[in-house]
N, C-alpha and C. Protein backbone atom coordinates (compact mmCIF):
# COMPACT_ATOMS: atom_id res chain seq x y z
N MET A 1 -6.29 94.76 172.30
CA MET A 1 -7.29 94.72 173.54
C MET A 1 -7.21 96.02 174.21
N ASP A 2 -8.32 96.19 174.46
CA ASP A 2 -8.38 98.11 175.21
C ASP A 2 -8.30 98.07 176.68
N HIS A 3 -7.93 99.14 177.03
CA HIS A 3 -7.81 99.02 179.05
C HIS A 3 -8.95 98.52 179.71
N PHE A 4 -9.95 98.48 179.24
CA PHE A 4 -11.13 97.99 180.04
C PHE A 4 -11.39 96.71 180.15
N GLN A 5 -11.09 95.99 178.87
CA GLN A 5 -10.59 94.39 178.87
C GLN A 5 -9.61 93.91 179.74
N GLN A 6 -8.49 94.37 179.28
CA GLN A 6 -7.44 94.17 180.59
C GLN A 6 -7.65 94.22 181.82
N GLY A 7 -8.33 95.05 182.28
CA GLY A 7 -8.52 95.55 183.37
C GLY A 7 -9.93 94.34 183.77
N ALA A 8 -10.48 94.14 183.29
CA ALA A 8 -11.89 93.35 183.44
C ALA A 8 -11.25 91.72 183.35
N LEU A 9 -10.45 91.24 182.75
CA LEU A 9 -9.79 89.87 182.52
C LEU A 9 -8.83 89.95 184.13
N GLN A 10 -8.04 91.01 184.47
CA GLN A 10 -7.79 90.72 185.93
C GLN A 10 -8.46 90.69 186.94
N ARG A 11 -9.75 91.12 187.14
CA ARG A 11 -10.90 91.44 187.77
C ARG A 11 -11.85 89.37 187.64
N LEU A 12 -11.27 88.80 186.83
CA LEU A 12 -12.23 87.70 186.84
C LEU A 12 -11.93 86.59 188.03
N SER A 13 -12.43 86.25 188.04
CA SER A 13 -12.29 84.94 189.49
C SER A 13 -11.33 84.10 188.99
N ASP A 14 -10.86 83.19 189.84
CA ASP A 14 -9.55 81.72 189.11
C ASP A 14 -10.55 80.79 188.67
N ARG A 15 -12.00 80.61 188.78
CA ARG A 15 -12.77 79.99 188.26
C ARG A 15 -13.00 80.58 186.65
N GLU A 16 -13.12 81.40 186.93
CA GLU A 16 -14.04 82.23 185.47
C GLU A 16 -12.44 82.34 184.74
N ARG A 17 -11.36 82.25 184.79
CA ARG A 17 -9.94 82.66 184.12
C ARG A 17 -10.02 80.71 183.60
N GLU A 18 -10.31 79.81 184.62
CA GLU A 18 -10.12 78.51 184.64
C GLU A 18 -11.06 78.14 183.30
N VAL A 19 -12.22 78.80 183.10
CA VAL A 19 -12.94 78.41 182.36
C VAL A 19 -12.98 78.91 181.05
N LEU A 20 -12.30 80.22 180.82
CA LEU A 20 -11.53 80.93 179.80
C LEU A 20 -10.59 80.13 179.22
N VAL A 21 -9.69 79.44 180.12
CA VAL A 21 -8.66 79.15 179.33
C VAL A 21 -9.09 78.09 178.51
N TYR A 22 -10.06 77.15 179.40
CA TYR A 22 -10.53 75.43 178.66
C TYR A 22 -10.94 75.93 177.28
N LEU A 23 -11.72 77.22 177.65
CA LEU A 23 -12.79 77.49 176.03
C LEU A 23 -11.57 77.70 175.23
N ALA A 24 -10.33 78.59 175.26
CA ALA A 24 -9.60 78.85 174.07
C ALA A 24 -8.78 77.50 174.03
N ALA A 25 -8.47 76.63 174.60
CA ALA A 25 -7.97 75.47 174.27
C ALA A 25 -8.51 74.49 173.42
N GLY A 26 -10.24 74.62 173.01
CA GLY A 26 -10.54 74.01 172.00
C GLY A 26 -11.80 73.30 173.04
N HIS A 27 -12.06 73.39 174.31
CA HIS A 27 -12.64 72.43 174.59
C HIS A 27 -14.50 72.98 174.73
N THR A 28 -15.17 72.15 174.67
CA THR A 28 -16.49 72.16 174.55
C THR A 28 -17.28 72.48 176.07
N TYR A 29 -18.41 72.77 176.01
CA TYR A 29 -18.92 73.12 177.41
C TYR A 29 -18.86 72.09 178.11
N ALA A 30 -19.22 70.96 177.63
CA ALA A 30 -19.45 69.37 178.48
C ALA A 30 -17.93 68.60 178.88
N ALA A 31 -17.15 68.95 178.14
CA ALA A 31 -15.64 68.97 178.38
C ALA A 31 -15.26 69.34 179.60
N ILE A 32 -15.23 71.00 179.27
CA ILE A 32 -14.85 71.83 180.34
C ILE A 32 -15.87 71.45 181.81
N ALA A 33 -17.01 71.69 181.38
CA ALA A 33 -17.81 70.82 182.78
C ALA A 33 -17.33 69.55 183.54
N HIS A 34 -16.91 68.60 182.63
CA HIS A 34 -16.54 67.36 183.12
C HIS A 34 -14.41 67.74 183.93
N CYS A 35 -14.30 68.62 183.08
CA CYS A 35 -12.51 68.79 184.24
C CYS A 35 -12.81 69.57 185.29
N MET A 36 -13.93 70.45 185.41
CA MET A 36 -14.09 71.49 186.60
C MET A 36 -15.03 70.55 187.70
N GLU A 37 -15.57 69.43 187.21
CA GLU A 37 -16.76 68.83 187.75
C GLU A 37 -17.91 69.51 188.19
N VAL A 38 -18.35 70.21 187.22
CA VAL A 38 -19.89 70.97 187.30
C VAL A 38 -20.73 70.74 186.49
N SER A 39 -21.78 71.40 186.47
CA SER A 39 -22.51 71.09 185.06
C SER A 39 -22.33 71.90 183.88
N PRO A 40 -23.14 71.71 182.92
CA PRO A 40 -22.57 72.46 181.57
C PRO A 40 -23.30 73.64 181.66
N HIS A 41 -24.29 73.92 182.84
CA HIS A 41 -25.40 75.06 182.73
C HIS A 41 -24.32 76.00 183.70
N THR A 42 -23.29 75.37 184.31
CA THR A 42 -22.68 75.95 185.33
C THR A 42 -21.17 76.62 184.45
N VAL A 43 -20.86 75.91 183.57
CA VAL A 43 -20.27 76.65 182.58
C VAL A 43 -20.54 77.91 181.78
N ASP A 44 -21.78 77.61 181.82
CA ASP A 44 -22.47 78.92 180.86
C ASP A 44 -22.60 79.93 181.50
N THR A 45 -23.21 79.90 182.78
CA THR A 45 -22.97 80.79 183.91
C THR A 45 -21.86 81.52 183.94
N TYR A 46 -21.20 80.67 183.98
CA TYR A 46 -19.16 81.49 183.98
C TYR A 46 -19.24 81.95 182.87
N LEU A 47 -19.44 81.49 181.60
CA LEU A 47 -19.37 82.83 180.45
C LEU A 47 -20.03 83.81 180.23
N ARG A 48 -21.19 83.51 180.87
CA ARG A 48 -21.88 84.75 180.90
C ARG A 48 -21.62 86.01 182.02
N ARG A 49 -21.07 85.57 182.86
CA ARG A 49 -20.17 86.14 183.95
C ARG A 49 -19.08 87.18 183.14
N ILE A 50 -18.46 86.66 182.83
CA ILE A 50 -17.07 86.94 182.03
C ILE A 50 -17.72 87.70 180.63
N ARG A 51 -18.78 87.35 180.18
CA ARG A 51 -19.05 88.49 178.97
C ARG A 51 -19.36 89.66 179.61
N GLY A 52 -20.01 89.23 180.49
CA GLY A 52 -20.93 90.94 181.34
C GLY A 52 -19.57 91.51 181.88
N LYS A 53 -18.14 90.98 182.69
CA LYS A 53 -16.94 91.20 183.00
C LYS A 53 -15.99 92.13 181.87
N THR A 54 -16.14 91.64 180.75
CA THR A 54 -15.03 92.14 179.81
C THR A 54 -16.05 93.04 178.79
N GLY A 55 -17.28 92.69 178.72
CA GLY A 55 -17.85 93.37 177.73
C GLY A 55 -17.60 92.75 176.29
N ALA A 56 -17.46 91.62 176.10
CA ALA A 56 -17.42 90.43 175.00
C ALA A 56 -18.77 90.33 174.52
N ARG A 57 -19.07 90.45 173.46
CA ARG A 57 -20.40 90.09 172.76
C ARG A 57 -20.62 88.95 172.84
N ASN A 58 -19.95 87.81 172.03
CA ASN A 58 -20.42 86.48 172.07
C ASN A 58 -18.88 85.69 172.20
N ARG A 59 -19.61 84.60 172.27
CA ARG A 59 -18.31 83.63 172.47
C ARG A 59 -16.90 83.34 171.63
N MET A 60 -16.82 83.88 170.07
CA MET A 60 -15.93 84.33 169.49
C MET A 60 -14.85 85.42 170.05
N HIS A 61 -15.79 86.50 170.50
CA HIS A 61 -15.12 87.98 171.20
C HIS A 61 -14.37 86.95 172.49
N LEU A 62 -15.08 86.14 173.38
CA LEU A 62 -14.00 85.55 174.43
C LEU A 62 -13.09 84.87 174.05
N LEU A 63 -12.89 84.34 172.93
CA LEU A 63 -12.00 83.34 172.78
C LEU A 63 -10.57 84.36 171.89
N LEU A 64 -10.96 85.39 171.35
CA LEU A 64 -9.90 86.72 171.18
C LEU A 64 -9.47 87.44 172.47
N LEU A 65 -10.27 87.34 173.47
CA LEU A 65 -9.58 87.88 174.79
C LEU A 65 -9.08 87.27 175.22
N ALA A 66 -9.31 85.54 175.64
CA ALA A 66 -8.67 84.57 175.81
C ALA A 66 -7.21 84.45 175.21
N MET A 67 -6.95 84.91 174.39
CA MET A 67 -5.49 84.55 173.57
C MET A 67 -4.56 85.49 174.23
N GLY A 68 -4.77 85.97 175.24
CA GLY A 68 -3.46 86.68 176.07
C GLY A 68 -3.53 85.88 177.29
N LEU A 69 -4.51 85.18 177.46
CA LEU A 69 -4.34 84.34 178.89
C LEU A 69 -3.38 83.31 178.85
N THR A 70 -2.76 82.99 179.79
CA THR A 70 -2.25 81.51 180.07
C THR A 70 -2.71 80.66 180.97
N ALA A 71 -2.12 79.44 180.72
CA ALA A 71 -3.18 78.73 182.20
C ALA A 71 -2.27 79.05 183.31
N PRO A 72 -2.74 78.73 184.54
CA PRO A 72 -1.87 79.06 185.77
C PRO A 72 -0.84 78.28 185.63
N ARG A 73 0.78 78.61 186.53
CA ARG A 73 1.61 77.73 186.56
C ARG A 73 1.34 76.34 187.09
N GLY A 74 1.90 75.76 186.67
CA GLY A 74 1.30 73.82 187.12
C GLY A 74 0.22 73.23 186.80
N THR A 75 -0.94 74.07 185.94
CA THR A 75 -2.27 73.47 185.89
C THR A 75 -1.53 72.53 184.01
N ARG A 76 -2.11 71.42 184.37
CA ARG A 76 -2.28 70.43 182.95
C ARG A 76 -3.55 70.38 182.41
N LEU A 77 -3.90 70.91 181.30
CA LEU A 77 -5.30 71.18 180.54
C LEU A 77 -5.13 69.36 180.03
N PRO A 78 -6.15 68.96 180.02
CA PRO A 78 -6.26 67.62 179.17
C PRO A 78 -6.66 67.78 178.11
N PRO A 79 -6.29 67.22 177.15
CA PRO A 79 -6.45 67.33 175.54
C PRO A 79 -7.77 67.34 175.11
N VAL A 80 -8.40 67.91 174.11
CA VAL A 80 -9.24 68.18 173.61
C VAL A 80 -9.67 66.90 172.79
N PRO A 81 -10.74 66.35 173.49
CA PRO A 81 -11.36 64.91 173.28
C PRO A 81 -11.84 64.77 171.82
N ALA A 82 -11.52 63.61 171.14
CA ALA A 82 -11.61 63.60 169.70
C ALA A 82 -13.11 63.17 169.47
N PRO A 83 -13.84 63.84 168.21
CA PRO A 83 -15.53 63.40 168.17
C PRO A 83 -15.48 62.14 168.17
N PRO A 84 -16.57 61.80 168.94
CA PRO A 84 -17.21 60.38 168.55
C PRO A 84 -17.28 59.55 167.01
N ALA A 85 -17.01 58.62 167.32
CA ALA A 85 -16.64 57.74 165.76
C ALA A 85 -18.14 57.51 165.44
N PRO A 86 -18.50 57.51 163.97
CA PRO A 86 -20.10 58.00 163.03
C PRO A 86 -20.42 56.48 163.86
N ALA A 87 -21.85 56.26 163.69
CA ALA A 87 -22.17 54.86 164.17
C ALA A 87 -22.48 54.39 162.67
N PRO A 88 -22.30 52.91 162.66
CA PRO A 88 -22.51 52.21 161.77
C PRO A 88 -23.99 52.27 161.07
N PRO A 89 -23.52 52.64 159.30
CA PRO A 89 -25.08 52.55 158.60
C PRO A 89 -26.12 51.18 159.32
N ARG A 90 -27.36 52.09 158.95
CA ARG A 90 -28.33 51.05 159.53
C ARG A 90 -28.64 50.33 158.00
N THR A 91 -28.69 48.95 157.95
CA THR A 91 -29.37 48.39 156.99
C THR A 91 -30.97 48.46 156.32
N GLY A 92 -31.60 48.99 157.64
CA GLY A 92 -33.23 48.92 157.17
C GLY A 92 -33.59 47.82 157.42
N LEU A 93 -32.79 46.69 157.83
CA LEU A 93 -33.26 45.33 158.01
C LEU A 93 -33.83 44.93 159.25
N ALA A 94 -34.83 44.58 159.77
CA ALA A 94 -34.97 44.12 161.37
C ALA A 94 -34.86 42.72 161.27
N VAL A 95 -34.04 42.99 162.56
CA VAL A 95 -33.90 41.21 163.31
C VAL A 95 -34.91 40.74 164.38
N GLU A 96 -36.01 40.00 164.46
CA GLU A 96 -37.05 39.57 165.18
C GLU A 96 -36.52 38.92 166.12
N ALA A 97 -36.34 38.94 167.50
CA ALA A 97 -36.46 38.28 168.62
C ALA A 97 -37.04 36.74 168.27
N SER A 98 -36.49 35.47 168.62
CA SER A 98 -37.07 34.55 168.40
C SER A 98 -37.41 34.25 170.27
């Protein structure tokens, strides 16, 4: 990480750092939004601001930068949610209501 990126990470707001920590922990935009009680659009806005401040080109670059961050002391990150179970296969038979 170059000097500019280190300085930029220090200039992030607490909420921007929180988003970055959640992202590095493997959370989706929806999960981050739920944890922070904001909309997924707000999470996207935070990430765009972070990219602007750090010069990161994409989400992968953000993840590499975030590897140097740690969660604030006392913060308990929720576990990454498991993917939803697959829907049962459809048989193609329609059931008519009587």
